[in-house]
Protein backbone atom coordinates (compact mmCIF):
# COMPACT_ATOMS: atom_id res chain seq x y z
CA UNK A 1 158.77 93.57 215.64
CA UNK A 2 157.05 92.96 218.95
CA UNK A 3 157.95 89.79 220.79
CA UNK A 4 156.68 88.41 224.07
CA UNK A 5 158.52 85.32 225.24
CA UNK A 6 157.27 83.30 228.20
CA UNK A 7 159.35 80.92 230.29
CA UNK A 8 159.16 79.06 233.58
CA UNK A 9 156.41 76.55 232.94
CA UNK A 10 156.71 72.91 233.92
CA UNK A 11 155.29 69.91 235.72
CA UNK A 12 154.72 70.28 239.46
CA UNK A 13 152.66 68.68 242.18
CA UNK A 14 149.62 70.20 243.82
CA UNK A 15 150.68 72.68 246.49
CA UNK A 16 153.94 73.55 244.75
CA UNK A 17 154.97 76.92 243.34
CA UNK A 18 156.13 78.15 239.94
CA UNK A 19 157.28 81.50 238.65
CA UNK A 20 156.53 82.44 235.07
CA UNK A 21 158.45 85.15 233.28
CA UNK A 22 157.67 87.13 230.15
CA UNK A 23 160.32 89.12 228.32
CA UNK A 24 159.05 91.86 226.01
CA UNK A 25 160.89 93.44 223.11
CA UNK A 26 160.04 95.70 220.19
CA UNK A 27 157.56 97.85 222.11
CA UNK A 28 157.64 100.76 224.51
CA UNK A 29 156.99 98.74 227.63
CA UNK A 30 155.77 101.71 229.62
CA UNK A 31 152.24 102.42 228.51
CA UNK A 32 151.19 98.81 228.17
CA UNK A 33 149.07 96.89 230.60
CA UNK A 34 150.63 93.44 230.88
CA UNK A 35 148.41 90.46 231.46
CA UNK A 36 148.53 86.72 231.95
CA UNK A 37 145.87 84.46 230.50
CA UNK A 38 145.52 80.69 230.46
CA UNK A 39 143.85 78.12 228.29
CA UNK A 40 143.09 74.57 229.31
CA UNK A 41 142.44 71.87 226.67
CA UNK A 42 139.01 72.28 225.14
CA UNK A 43 138.33 75.52 226.99
CA UNK A 44 138.42 79.21 226.17
CA UNK A 45 141.33 81.45 227.01
CA UNK A 46 140.63 83.15 230.33
CA UNK A 47 142.04 86.06 232.28
CA UNK A 48 144.41 85.33 235.16
CA UNK A 49 146.01 88.62 236.19
CA UNK A 50 147.09 92.03 234.92
CA UNK A 51 149.34 94.85 236.03
CA UNK A 52 149.12 98.46 234.91
CA UNK A 53 152.15 100.35 233.71
CA UNK A 54 151.48 103.33 236.00
CA UNK A 55 151.95 102.51 239.68
CA UNK A 56 151.84 98.76 238.91
CA UNK A 57 148.25 98.35 240.04
CA UNK A 58 147.34 94.67 239.98
CA UNK A 59 144.14 92.80 239.10
CA UNK A 60 143.30 89.12 239.54
CA UNK A 61 140.72 86.58 238.58
CA UNK A 62 138.81 85.33 241.61
CA UNK A 63 140.11 81.81 241.03
CA UNK A 64 143.73 82.83 241.65
CA UNK A 65 143.35 85.70 244.11
CA UNK A 66 145.52 85.13 247.17
CA UNK A 67 147.61 82.43 245.42
CA UNK A 68 149.10 84.20 242.39
CA UNK A 69 151.08 87.44 242.29
CA UNK A 70 151.77 89.46 239.15
CA UNK A 71 154.60 91.97 238.99
CA UNK A 72 156.54 93.88 236.39
CA UNK A 73 160.02 95.31 236.03
CA UNK A 74 159.85 98.21 233.59
CA UNK A 75 163.64 98.55 233.51
CA UNK A 76 163.93 94.97 232.24
CA UNK A 77 160.79 94.99 230.05
CA UNK A 78 159.60 91.95 231.97
CA UNK A 79 156.49 90.74 233.73
CA UNK A 80 156.25 87.85 236.17
CA UNK A 81 153.58 85.57 237.59
CA UNK A 82 154.37 83.93 240.92
CA UNK A 83 152.04 80.99 241.37
CA UNK A 84 151.76 79.45 244.83
CA UNK A 85 149.55 76.68 246.24
CA UNK A 86 149.01 75.32 242.76
CA UNK A 87 145.99 73.14 242.10
CA UNK A 88 145.23 70.65 239.34
CA UNK A 89 142.67 73.15 238.01
CA UNK A 90 145.56 75.53 237.27
CA UNK A 91 146.82 73.18 234.55
CA UNK A 92 146.83 75.10 231.28
CA UNK A 93 148.96 76.87 228.74
CA UNK A 94 149.79 80.30 230.16
CA UNK A 95 150.10 83.29 227.85
CA UNK A 96 151.62 86.70 228.37
CA UNK A 97 149.85 89.60 226.64
CA UNK A 98 150.21 93.36 226.20
CA UNK A 99 147.44 95.96 225.94
CA UNK A 100 148.11 99.61 225.13
CA UNK A 101 145.98 101.22 227.82
CA UNK A 102 146.48 104.32 229.95
CA UNK A 103 144.13 103.43 232.80
CA UNK A 104 142.58 100.34 234.24
CA UNK A 105 142.76 96.96 232.57
CA UNK A 106 140.71 94.52 230.55
CA UNK A 107 140.01 90.86 231.25
CA UNK A 108 138.99 90.27 227.63
CA UNK A 109 141.60 88.57 225.45
CA UNK A 110 140.33 90.56 222.46
CA UNK A 111 141.56 93.81 224.02
CA UNK A 112 145.21 92.72 224.05
CA UNK A 113 147.27 93.59 221.01
CA UNK A 114 150.27 91.34 221.47
CA UNK A 115 150.68 87.77 222.67
CA UNK A 116 153.43 85.34 223.53
CA UNK A 117 153.56 81.75 222.33
CA UNK A 118 152.57 80.31 225.70
CA UNK A 119 154.18 78.08 228.29
CA UNK A 120 152.68 74.84 229.64
CA UNK A 121 151.93 74.49 233.33
CA UNK A 122 150.87 71.04 234.50
CA UNK A 123 149.87 70.41 238.11
CA UNK A 124 149.51 66.81 239.18
CA UNK A 125 147.24 65.94 242.08
């Protein structure tokens, strides 16, 4: 049984930092692109960042480029999202997701096979 469990969300002020973690179990971690998505109330789920399993190549949405950093630790079956210079627009539920993909990445939620339950990030201005 595949499980993705996010942690690290919370309430912070604009300009602060947070680090989200996602622990994966029940899958062969190598071979999966790991992604972070977010969903604000009343809005669609959107791509935030992804990291490939080979060489840990990273990809970012334009809205977070330069502020967020995604990384993975294949030995620990974990993926992280370091979020700096947070803005009120970053407020959302953040989801970890896994996509079995050899090359590249996808920014489409429909391409990801497994999802975590989400963790709330609230940024007050």
